[in-house]
PDB file of N, CA and C in Angstrom:
ATOM      1  N   MET A   1      97.444 106.970  84.086  1.00  0.00           N
ATOM      2  CA  MET A   1      97.839 106.803  85.656  1.00  0.00           C
ATOM      3  C   MET A   1      98.579 105.465  85.923  1.00  0.00           C
ATOM      4  N   ARG A   2      99.562 105.537  86.709  1.00  0.00           N
ATOM      5  CA  ARG A   2     100.361 104.395  87.075  1.00  0.00           C
ATOM      6  C   ARG A   2      99.532 103.765  88.420  1.00  0.00           C
ATOM      7  N   ILE A   3      98.979 102.610  88.251  1.00  0.00           N
ATOM      8  CA  ILE A   3      98.223 102.231  89.518  1.00  0.00           C
ATOM      9  C   ILE A   3      98.735 100.839  89.955  1.00  0.00           C
ATOM     10  N   LEU A   4      98.866 100.715  91.310  1.00  0.00           N
ATOM     11  CA  LEU A   4      99.331  99.469  91.836  1.00  0.00           C
ATOM     12  C   LEU A   4      98.023  98.811  92.581  1.00  0.00           C
ATOM     13  N   VAL A   5      97.743  97.508  92.298  1.00  0.00           N
ATOM     14  CA  VAL A   5      96.688  96.789  92.859  1.00  0.00           C
ATOM     15  C   VAL A   5      97.417  95.858  93.665  1.00  0.00           C
ATOM     16  N   ILE A   6      97.073  95.736  95.118  1.00  0.00           N
ATOM     17  CA  ILE A   6      97.629  94.762  95.931  1.00  0.00           C
ATOM     18  C   ILE A   6      96.555  93.753  96.190  1.00  0.00           C
ATOM     19  N   GLY A   7      97.056  92.479  95.766  1.00  0.00           N
ATOM     20  CA  GLY A   7      95.882  91.449  95.832  1.00  0.00           C
ATOM     21  C   GLY A   7      95.458  91.397  94.405  1.00  0.00           C
ATOM     22  N   GLY A   8      94.163  91.519  94.207  1.00  0.00           N
ATOM     23  CA  GLY A   8      93.577  91.537  92.895  1.00  0.00           C
ATOM     24  C   GLY A   8      93.479  90.257  92.209  1.00  0.00           C
ATOM     25  N   SER A   9      93.525  89.074  92.851  1.00  0.00           N
ATOM     26  CA  SER A   9      93.345  87.796  92.194  1.00  0.00           C
ATOM     27  C   SER A   9      91.991  87.126  92.360  1.00  0.00           C
ATOM     28  N   ARG A  10      91.292  87.603  93.339  1.00  0.00           N
ATOM     29  CA  ARG A  10      89.874  86.978  93.647  1.00  0.00           C
ATOM     30  C   ARG A  10      88.817  87.954  93.635  1.00  0.00           C
ATOM     31  N   PHE A  11      87.714  87.513  93.470  1.00  0.00           N
ATOM     32  CA  PHE A  11      86.441  88.239  93.529  1.00  0.00           C
ATOM     33  C   PHE A  11      86.448  89.338  92.391  1.00  0.00           C
ATOM     34  N   VAL A  12      86.353  90.554  92.821  1.00  0.00           N
ATOM     35  CA  VAL A  12      86.304  91.735  92.003  1.00  0.00           C
ATOM     36  C   VAL A  12      87.625  92.196  91.471  1.00  0.00           C
ATOM     37  N   GLY A  13      88.756  91.542  92.045  1.00  0.00           N
ATOM     38  CA  GLY A  13      90.227  92.025  91.738  1.00  0.00           C
ATOM     39  C   GLY A  13      90.198  91.962  90.100  1.00  0.00           C
ATOM     40  N   PRO A  14      90.208  90.829  89.576  1.00  0.00           N
ATOM     41  CA  PRO A  14      90.536  90.572  88.184  1.00  0.00           C
ATOM     42  C   PRO A  14      89.588  91.597  87.247  1.00  0.00           C
ATOM     43  N   LEU A  15      88.441  91.692  87.629  1.00  0.00           N
ATOM     44  CA  LEU A  15      87.444  92.807  87.000  1.00  0.00           C
ATOM     45  C   LEU A  15      88.036  94.086  86.984  1.00  0.00           C
ATOM     46  N   LEU A  16      88.348  94.520  88.358  1.00  0.00           N
ATOM     47  CA  LEU A  16      88.908  95.951  88.493  1.00  0.00           C
ATOM     48  C   LEU A  16      90.285  96.077  87.605  1.00  0.00           C
ATOM     49  N   VAL A  17      91.187  95.139  87.573  1.00  0.00           N
ATOM     50  CA  VAL A  17      92.341  95.279  86.908  1.00  0.00           C
ATOM     51  C   VAL A  17      92.068  95.419  85.352  1.00  0.00           C
ATOM     52  N   GLY A  18      91.067  94.632  84.883  1.00  0.00           N
ATOM     53  CA  GLY A  18      90.637  94.647  83.596  1.00  0.00           C
ATOM     54  C   GLY A  18      90.197  95.988  83.164  1.00  0.00           C
ATOM     55  N   ARG A  19      89.313  96.504  84.091  1.00  0.00           N
ATOM     56  CA  ARG A  19      88.661  97.887  83.655  1.00  0.00           C
ATOM     57  C   ARG A  19      89.716  99.039  83.728  1.00  0.00           C
ATOM     58  N   LEU A  20      90.614  98.987  84.791  1.00  0.00           N
ATOM     59  CA  LEU A  20      91.813  99.927  84.876  1.00  0.00           C
ATOM     60  C   LEU A  20      92.632  99.885  83.544  1.00  0.00           C
ATOM     61  N   SER A  21      92.936  98.575  83.219  1.00  0.00           N
ATOM     62  CA  SER A  21      93.948  98.413  82.039  1.00  0.00           C
ATOM     63  C   SER A  21      93.215  98.880  80.781  1.00  0.00           C
ATOM     64  N   GLY A  22      92.001  98.446  80.671  1.00  0.00           N
ATOM     65  CA  GLY A  22      91.051  98.920  79.502  1.00  0.00           C
ATOM     66  C   GLY A  22      90.941 100.378  79.403  1.00  0.00           C
ATOM     67  N   GLY A  23      91.034 101.108  80.420  1.00  0.00           N
ATOM     68  CA  GLY A  23      90.739 102.485  80.527  1.00  0.00           C
ATOM     69  C   GLY A  23      92.098 103.162  80.181  1.00  0.00           C
ATOM     70  N   GLY A  24      93.087 102.612  79.734  1.00  0.00           N
ATOM     71  CA  GLY A  24      94.434 103.138  79.390  1.00  0.00           C
ATOM     72  C   GLY A  24      95.418 103.440  80.522  1.00  0.00           C
ATOM     73  N   HIS A  25      95.021 102.834  81.723  1.00  0.00           N
ATOM     74  CA  HIS A  25      96.031 103.029  82.807  1.00  0.00           C
ATOM     75  C   HIS A  25      97.052 101.883  82.889  1.00  0.00           C
ATOM     76  N   SER A  26      98.306 102.325  83.383  1.00  0.00           N
ATOM     77  CA  SER A  26      99.486 101.209  83.501  1.00  0.00           C
ATOM     78  C   SER A  26      99.166 100.651  84.808  1.00  0.00           C
ATOM     79  N   VAL A  27      98.926  99.279  84.738  1.00  0.00           N
ATOM     80  CA  VAL A  27      98.510  98.498  86.071  1.00  0.00           C
ATOM     81  C   VAL A  27      99.580  97.614  86.427  1.00  0.00           C
ATOM     82  N   THR A  28     100.027  97.607  87.652  1.00  0.00           N
ATOM     83  CA  THR A  28     100.888  96.606  88.268  1.00  0.00           C
ATOM     84  C   THR A  28     100.055  95.879  89.395  1.00  0.00           C
ATOM     85  N   VAL A  29     100.120  94.481  89.311  1.00  0.00           N
ATOM     86  CA  VAL A  29      99.408  93.824  90.424  1.00  0.00           C
ATOM     87  C   VAL A  29     100.499  93.175  91.284  1.00  0.00           C
ATOM     88  N   PHE A  30     100.294  93.414  92.554  1.00  0.00           N
ATOM     89  CA  PHE A  30     101.272  92.736  93.532  1.00  0.00           C
ATOM     90  C   PHE A  30     100.622  91.781  94.414  1.00  0.00           C
ATOM     91  N   ASN A  31     100.971  90.478  94.283  1.00  0.00           N
ATOM     92  CA  ASN A  31     100.272  89.442  95.162  1.00  0.00           C
ATOM     93  C   ASN A  31     101.332  88.178  95.290  1.00  0.00           C
ATOM     94  N   ARG A  32     100.944  87.170  96.036  1.00  0.00           N
ATOM     95  CA  ARG A  32     101.735  86.042  96.278  1.00  0.00           C
ATOM     96  C   ARG A  32     101.650  85.093  95.058  1.00  0.00           C
ATOM     97  N   GLY A  33     100.884  85.301  94.273  1.00  0.00           N
ATOM     98  CA  GLY A  33     100.675  84.370  93.046  1.00  0.00           C
ATOM     99  C   GLY A  33     100.205  82.890  93.399  1.00  0.00           C
ATOM    100  N   ARG A  34      99.479  82.808  94.439  1.00  0.00           N
ATOM    101  CA  ARG A  34      98.998  81.557  94.785  1.00  0.00           C
ATOM    102  C   ARG A  34      97.661  81.288  94.112  1.00  0.00           C
ATOM    103  N   ILE A  35      96.915  82.134  93.650  1.00  0.00           N
ATOM    104  CA  ILE A  35      95.724  81.980  92.949  1.00  0.00           C
ATOM    105  C   ILE A  35      95.965  82.395  91.603  1.00  0.00           C
ATOM    106  N   ALA A  36      95.510  81.394  90.551  1.00  0.00           N
ATOM    107  CA  ALA A  36      95.639  81.732  89.262  1.00  0.00           C
ATOM    108  C   ALA A  36      94.806  82.707  88.815  1.00  0.00           C
ATOM    109  N   ALA A  37      95.178  83.781  88.281  1.00  0.00           N
ATOM    110  CA  ALA A  37      94.178  84.868  87.787  1.00  0.00           C
ATOM    111  C   ALA A  37      94.768  85.323  86.451  1.00  0.00           C
ATOM    112  N   THR A  38      93.767  85.577  85.510  1.00  0.00           N
ATOM    113  CA  THR A  38      94.176  86.114  84.206  1.00  0.00           C
ATOM    114  C   THR A  38      94.000  87.590  83.888  1.00  0.00           C
ATOM    115  N   TYR A  39      95.061  88.234  83.631  1.00  0.00           N
ATOM    116  CA  TYR A  39      94.971  89.671  83.480  1.00  0.00           C
ATOM    117  C   TYR A  39      95.159  90.008  82.123  1.00  0.00           C
ATOM    118  N   PRO A  40      94.716  91.124  81.675  1.00  0.00           N
ATOM    119  CA  PRO A  40      94.990  91.591  80.149  1.00  0.00           C
ATOM    120  C   PRO A  40      96.386  91.773  79.979  1.00  0.00           C
ATOM    121  N   GLU A  41      96.744  91.672  78.631  1.00  0.00           N
ATOM    122  CA  GLU A  41      98.057  91.885  78.069  1.00  0.00           C
ATOM    123  C   GLU A  41      98.519  93.378  78.616  1.00  0.00           C
ATOM    124  N   GLY A  42      99.708  93.387  78.900  1.00  0.00           N
ATOM    125  CA  GLY A  42     100.353  94.693  79.481  1.00  0.00           C
ATOM    126  C   GLY A  42     100.204  94.868  80.986  1.00  0.00           C
ATOM    127  N   VAL A  43      99.533  94.120  81.691  1.00  0.00           N
ATOM    128  CA  VAL A  43      99.476  94.233  83.064  1.00  0.00           C
ATOM    129  C   VAL A  43     100.588  93.598  83.660  1.00  0.00           C
ATOM    130  N   GLU A  44     101.521  94.197  84.483  1.00  0.00           N
ATOM    131  CA  GLU A  44     102.540  93.714  85.155  1.00  0.00           C
ATOM    132  C   GLU A  44     102.261  92.977  86.366  1.00  0.00           C
ATOM    133  N   HIS A  45     102.819  91.824  86.618  1.00  0.00           N
ATOM    134  CA  HIS A  45     102.463  91.098  87.821  1.00  0.00           C
ATOM    135  C   HIS A  45     103.807  90.825  88.747  1.00  0.00           C
ATOM    136  N   VAL A  46     103.777  91.320  89.824  1.00  0.00           N
ATOM    137  CA  VAL A  46     104.977  91.184  90.750  1.00  0.00           C
ATOM    138  C   VAL A  46     104.605  90.316  91.881  1.00  0.00           C
ATOM    139  N   LYS A  47     105.323  89.152  91.970  1.00  0.00           N
ATOM    140  CA  LYS A  47     104.908  88.180  93.227  1.00  0.00           C
ATOM    141  C   LYS A  47     105.836  88.695  94.344  1.00  0.00           C
ATOM    142  N   GLY A  48     104.985  88.659  95.372  1.00  0.00           N
ATOM    143  CA  GLY A  48     105.683  89.067  96.713  1.00  0.00           C
ATOM    144  C   GLY A  48     104.628  88.917  97.827  1.00  0.00           C
ATOM    145  N   ASP A  49     105.118  88.843  98.921  1.00  0.00           N
ATOM    146  CA  ASP A  49     104.096  88.880 100.391  1.00  0.00           C
ATOM    147  C   ASP A  49     104.300  90.225 100.918  1.00  0.00           C
ATOM    148  N   ARG A  50     103.135  90.804 101.122  1.00  0.00           N
ATOM    149  CA  ARG A  50     103.088  92.082 101.844  1.00  0.00           C
ATOM    150  C   ARG A  50     103.634  92.010 103.179  1.00  0.00           C
ATOM    151  N   ASP A  51     103.663  90.882 103.879  1.00  0.00           N
ATOM    152  CA  ASP A  51     104.026  90.891 105.156  1.00  0.00           C
ATOM    153  C   ASP A  51     105.629  90.755 105.381  1.00  0.00           C
ATOM    154  N   GLU A  52     106.292  90.624 103.984  1.00  0.00           N
ATOM    155  CA  GLU A  52     107.735  90.550 103.932  1.00  0.00           C
ATOM    156  C   GLU A  52     108.157  91.890 103.405  1.00  0.00           C
ATOM    157  N   GLY A  53     107.355  92.811 102.962  1.00  0.00           N
ATOM    158  CA  GLY A  53     107.703  94.107 102.500  1.00  0.00           C
ATOM    159  C   GLY A  53     107.244  94.171 100.989  1.00  0.00           C
ATOM    160  N   PHE A  54     107.375  95.485 100.474  1.00  0.00           N
ATOM    161  CA  PHE A  54     106.903  95.720  99.161  1.00  0.00           C
ATOM    162  C   PHE A  54     108.299  96.073  98.392  1.00  0.00           C
ATOM    163  N   ASP A  55     108.841  95.200  97.717  1.00  0.00           N
ATOM    164  CA  ASP A  55     110.016  95.393  96.815  1.00  0.00           C
ATOM    165  C   ASP A  55     109.496  95.732  95.482  1.00  0.00           C
ATOM    166  N   ILE A  56     109.027  96.983  95.197  1.00  0.00           N
ATOM    167  CA  ILE A  56     108.335  97.126  94.030  1.00  0.00           C
ATOM    168  C   ILE A  56     109.022  98.643  93.465  1.00  0.00           C
ATOM    169  N   ALA A  57     109.575  98.681  92.253  1.00  0.00           N
ATOM    170  CA  ALA A  57     110.195  99.761  91.725  1.00  0.00           C
ATOM    171  C   ALA A  57     109.177 100.890  91.300  1.00  0.00           C
ATOM    172  N   GLY A  58     109.646 102.069  91.499  1.00  0.00           N
ATOM    173  CA  GLY A  58     108.671 103.319  90.911  1.00  0.00           C
ATOM    174  C   GLY A  58     107.711 103.683  91.838  1.00  0.00           C
ATOM    175  N   ASP A  59     107.122 104.789  91.431  1.00  0.00           N
ATOM    176  CA  ASP A  59     106.160 105.650  92.109  1.00  0.00           C
ATOM    177  C   ASP A  59     104.750 105.273  91.351  1.00  0.00           C
ATOM    178  N   PHE A  60     103.826 105.279  92.234  1.00  0.00           N
ATOM    179  CA  PHE A  60     102.395 105.062  91.587  1.00  0.00           C
ATOM    180  C   PHE A  60     101.563 106.230  91.959  1.00  0.00           C
ATOM    181  N   ASP A  61     100.794 106.604  90.979  1.00  0.00           N
ATOM    182  CA  ASP A  61      99.767 107.662  91.242  1.00  0.00           C
ATOM    183  C   ASP A  61      98.606 107.308  92.188  1.00  0.00           C
ATOM    184  N   ALA A  62      98.295 105.824  92.267  1.00  0.00           N
ATOM    185  CA  ALA A  62      97.275 105.394  93.080  1.00  0.00           C
ATOM    186  C   ALA A  62      97.642 103.945  93.552  1.00  0.00           C
ATOM    187  N   VAL A  63      97.398 103.573  94.728  1.00  0.00           N
ATOM    188  CA  VAL A  63      97.423 102.246  95.211  1.00  0.00           C
ATOM    189  C   VAL A  63      95.985 101.796  95.638  1.00  0.00           C
ATOM    190  N   ILE A  64      95.600 100.613  95.178  1.00  0.00           N
ATOM    191  CA  ILE A  64      94.284 100.058  95.527  1.00  0.00           C
ATOM    192  C   ILE A  64      94.650  98.637  96.221  1.00  0.00           C
ATOM    193  N   ASP A  65      94.314  98.731  97.612  1.00  0.00           N
ATOM    194  CA  ASP A  65      94.638  97.499  98.462  1.00  0.00           C
ATOM    195  C   ASP A  65      93.444  96.684  98.491  1.00  0.00           C
ATOM    196  N   MET A  66      93.357  95.586  97.908  1.00  0.00           N
ATOM    197  CA  MET A  66      92.283  94.715  97.772  1.00  0.00           C
ATOM    198  C   MET A  66      92.292  93.571  98.947  1.00  0.00           C
ATOM    199  N   CYS A  67      93.404  93.518  99.653  1.00  0.00           N
ATOM    200  CA  CYS A  67      93.324  92.402 100.603  1.00  0.00           C
ATOM    201  C   CYS A  67      93.832  92.667 102.015  1.00  0.00           C
ATOM    202  N   ALA A  68      93.932  93.827 102.504  1.00  0.00           N
ATOM    203  CA  ALA A  68      94.530  93.939 103.926  1.00  0.00           C
ATOM    204  C   ALA A  68      93.560  93.390 104.874  1.00  0.00           C
ATOM    205  N   TYR A  69      94.201  92.667 105.788  1.00  0.00           N
ATOM    206  CA  TYR A  69      93.343  91.918 106.742  1.00  0.00           C
ATOM    207  C   TYR A  69      93.247  92.687 108.086  1.00  0.00           C
ATOM    208  N   ASN A  70      94.070  93.766 108.341  1.00  0.00           N
ATOM    209  CA  ASN A  70      94.157  94.419 109.591  1.00  0.00           C
ATOM    210  C   ASN A  70      94.961  95.784 109.410  1.00  0.00           C
ATOM    211  N   GLY A  71      94.679  96.652 110.344  1.00  0.00           N
ATOM    212  CA  GLY A  71      95.131  98.011 110.268  1.00  0.00           C
ATOM    213  C   GLY A  71      96.636  97.963 110.180  1.00  0.00           C
ATOM    214  N   ASN A  72      97.474  97.038 110.807  1.00  0.00           N
ATOM    215  CA  ASN A  72      98.796  96.928 110.704  1.00  0.00           C
ATOM    216  C   ASN A  72      99.258  96.769 109.182  1.00  0.00           C
ATOM    217  N   GLN A  73      98.547  95.796 108.539  1.00  0.00           N
ATOM    218  CA  GLN A  73      98.932  95.703 107.082  1.00  0.00           C
ATOM    219  C   GLN A  73      98.689  97.068 106.206  1.00  0.00           C
ATOM    220  N   THR A  74      97.583  97.603 106.469  1.00  0.00           N
ATOM    221  CA  THR A  74      97.448  98.818 105.660  1.00  0.00           C
ATOM    222  C   THR A  74      98.523  99.971 106.075  1.00  0.00           C
ATOM    223  N   ARG A  75      98.876 100.123 107.377  1.00  0.00           N
ATOM    224  CA  ARG A  75      99.787 100.914 107.795  1.00  0.00           C
ATOM    225  C   ARG A  75     101.252 100.683 107.193  1.00  0.00           C
ATOM    226  N   LYS A  76     101.529  99.448 106.986  1.00  0.00           N
ATOM    227  CA  LYS A  76     102.827  98.948 106.363  1.00  0.00           C
ATOM    228  C   LYS A  76     102.820  99.407 104.882  1.00  0.00           C
ATOM    229  N   ALA A  77     101.762  99.162 104.264  1.00  0.00           N
ATOM    230  CA  ALA A  77     101.597  99.543 102.847  1.00  0.00           C
ATOM    231  C   ALA A  77     101.592 100.958 102.648  1.00  0.00           C
ATOM    232  N   LEU A  78     100.973 101.845 103.509  1.00  0.00           N
ATOM    233  CA  LEU A  78     100.944 103.101 103.381  1.00  0.00           C
ATOM    234  C   LEU A  78     102.368 103.816 103.560  1.00  0.00           C
ATOM    235  N   ASP A  79     103.137 103.323 104.470  1.00  0.00           N
ATOM    236  CA  ASP A  79     104.434 103.657 104.874  1.00  0.00           C
ATOM    237  C   ASP A  79     105.476 103.263 103.757  1.00  0.00           C
ATOM    238  N   ALA A  80     105.250 102.091 103.191  1.00  0.00           N
ATOM    239  CA  ALA A  80     106.228 101.681 102.163  1.00  0.00           C
ATOM    240  C   ALA A  80     106.086 102.219 100.855  1.00  0.00           C
ATOM    241  N   LEU A  81     104.968 102.522 100.520  1.00  0.00           N
ATOM    242  CA  LEU A  81     104.470 102.788  98.974  1.00  0.00           C
ATOM    243  C   LEU A  81     104.271 104.255  98.697  1.00  0.00           C
ATOM    244  N   ASP A  82     104.990 104.921  97.780  1.00  0.00           N
ATOM    245  CA  ASP A  82     104.914 106.254  97.415  1.00  0.00           C
ATOM    246  C   ASP A  82     103.772 106.346  96.469  1.00  0.00           C
ATOM    247  N   SER A  83     102.550 106.865  96.952  1.00  0.00           N
ATOM    248  CA  SER A  83     101.504 107.110  96.101  1.00  0.00           C
ATOM    249  C   SER A  83     100.734 108.407  96.411  1.00  0.00           C
ATOM    250  N   GLY A  84     100.188 108.950  95.537  1.00  0.00           N
ATOM    251  CA  GLY A  84      99.469 110.253  95.898  1.00  0.00           C
ATOM    252  C   GLY A  84      97.895 109.960  96.317  1.00  0.00           C
ATOM    253  N   PHE A  85      97.489 108.744  96.033  1.00  0.00           N
ATOM    254  CA  PHE A  85      96.116 108.357  96.559  1.00  0.00           C
ATOM    255  C   PHE A  85      96.062 106.664  96.764  1.00  0.00           C
ATOM    256  N   PHE A  86      95.423 106.573  98.014  1.00  0.00           N
ATOM    257  CA  PHE A  86      95.509 105.240  98.448  1.00  0.00           C
ATOM    258  C   PHE A  86      94.008 104.754  98.629  1.00  0.00           C
ATOM    259  N   ILE A  87      93.506 103.699  98.182  1.00  0.00           N
ATOM    260  CA  ILE A  87      92.103 103.071  98.279  1.00  0.00           C
ATOM    261  C   ILE A  87      92.269 101.831  98.903  1.00  0.00           C
ATOM    262  N   HIS A  88      91.610 101.816 100.089  1.00  0.00           N
ATOM    263  CA  HIS A  88      91.573 100.520 100.796  1.00  0.00           C
ATOM    264  C   HIS A  88      90.178  99.735 100.600  1.00  0.00           C
ATOM    265  N   MET A  89      90.295  98.630  99.877  1.00  0.00           N
ATOM    266  CA  MET A  89      89.031  97.834  99.777  1.00  0.00           C
ATOM    267  C   MET A  89      89.203  96.478 100.330  1.00  0.00           C
ATOM    268  N   GLY A  90      89.521  96.329 101.482  1.00  0.00           N
ATOM    269  CA  GLY A  90      89.772  95.077 102.300  1.00  0.00           C
ATOM    270  C   GLY A  90      88.583  94.456 102.726  1.00  0.00           C
ATOM    271  N   THR A  91      88.733  93.476 103.559  1.00  0.00           N
ATOM    272  CA  THR A  91      87.466  92.661 104.207  1.00  0.00           C
ATOM    273  C   THR A  91      86.998  93.354 105.356  1.00  0.00           C
ATOM    274  N   ALA A  92      85.988  92.835 105.881  1.00  0.00           N
ATOM    275  CA  ALA A  92      85.394  93.401 107.243  1.00  0.00           C
ATOM    276  C   ALA A  92      86.442  93.141 108.363  1.00  0.00           C
ATOM    277  N   ALA A  93      87.416  92.144 108.089  1.00  0.00           N
ATOM    278  CA  ALA A  93      88.411  92.003 109.115  1.00  0.00           C
ATOM    279  C   ALA A  93      89.457  93.159 109.388  1.00  0.00           C
ATOM    280  N   ALA A  94      89.495  93.985 108.164  1.00  0.00           N
ATOM    281  CA  ALA A  94      90.244  95.274 108.324  1.00  0.00           C
ATOM    282  C   ALA A  94      89.927  96.219 109.237  1.00  0.00           C
ATOM    283  N   TYR A  95      88.595  96.042 109.796  1.00  0.00           N
ATOM    284  CA  TYR A  95      88.016  97.011 110.668  1.00  0.00           C
ATOM    285  C   TYR A  95      88.564  96.744 112.111  1.00  0.00           C
ATOM    286  N   GLU A  96      89.212  95.693 112.460  1.00  0.00           N
ATOM    287  CA  GLU A  96      89.754  95.374 113.605  1.00  0.00           C
ATOM    288  C   GLU A  96      90.602  96.501 114.235  1.00  0.00           C
ATOM    289  N   ARG A  97      90.503  96.797 115.541  1.00  0.00           N
ATOM    290  CA  ARG A  97      91.413  97.921 115.933  1.00  0.00           C
ATOM    291  C   ARG A  97      92.923  97.422 116.093  1.00  0.00           C
ATOM    292  N   SER A  98      93.827  98.377 115.922  1.00  0.00           N
ATOM    293  CA  SER A  98      95.212  98.132 115.949  1.00  0.00           C
ATOM    294  C   SER A  98      95.765  99.351 116.553  1.00  0.00           C
ATOM    295  N   GLU A  99      97.033  98.821 117.277  1.00  0.00           N
ATOM    296  CA  GLU A  99      97.751 100.032 118.023  1.00  0.00           C
ATOM    297  C   GLU A  99      98.354 100.849 116.959  1.00  0.00           C
ATOM    298  N   SER A 100      98.815 100.366 115.915  1.00  0.00           N
ATOM    299  CA  SER A 100      99.750 101.223 114.984  1.00  0.00           C
ATOM    300  C   SER A 100      98.755 101.966 113.954  1.00  0.00           C
ATOM    301  N   PHE A 101      97.566 101.482 113.835  1.00  0.00           N
ATOM    302  CA  PHE A 101      96.669 102.302 112.916  1.00  0.00           C
ATOM    303  C   PHE A 101      95.234 102.229 113.411  1.00  0.00           C
ATOM    304  N   PRO A 102      95.057 103.021 114.491  1.00  0.00           N
ATOM    305  CA  PRO A 102      93.669 103.075 115.118  1.00  0.00           C
ATOM    306  C   PRO A 102      92.661 103.535 113.911  1.00  0.00           C
ATOM    307  N   LEU A 103      91.538 102.931 113.938  1.00  0.00           N
ATOM    308  CA  LEU A 103      90.505 103.229 113.069  1.00  0.00           C
ATOM    309  C   LEU A 103      89.398 103.985 113.434  1.00  0.00           C
ATOM    310  N   SER A 104      89.588 104.563 114.696  1.00  0.00           N
ATOM    311  CA  SER A 104      88.528 105.350 115.255  1.00  0.00           C
ATOM    312  C   SER A 104      89.098 106.619 115.966  1.00  0.00           C
TER     313      SER A 104
END
């Protein structure tokens, strides 16, 4: 599978990326690159800011969003990225209500 991980530099992110890569998946990490994280060889790292858009080439079988802070960020990712499967693993702040992405 070709998997995109948004964020992935803190907490469980590097562990998740390592497990996915070790399981034979093609993994791309998209984040701002502000936090030093070590990823296994073969993992592609694309620097960018989700609030400025997702300039990432290719289709992904799955997207795992590790850092959405609100529903608007999740909606933008869903609209911008072509993926058959989207997993949101954000913080509790992601549950705030939003007009563009109501969570109830």
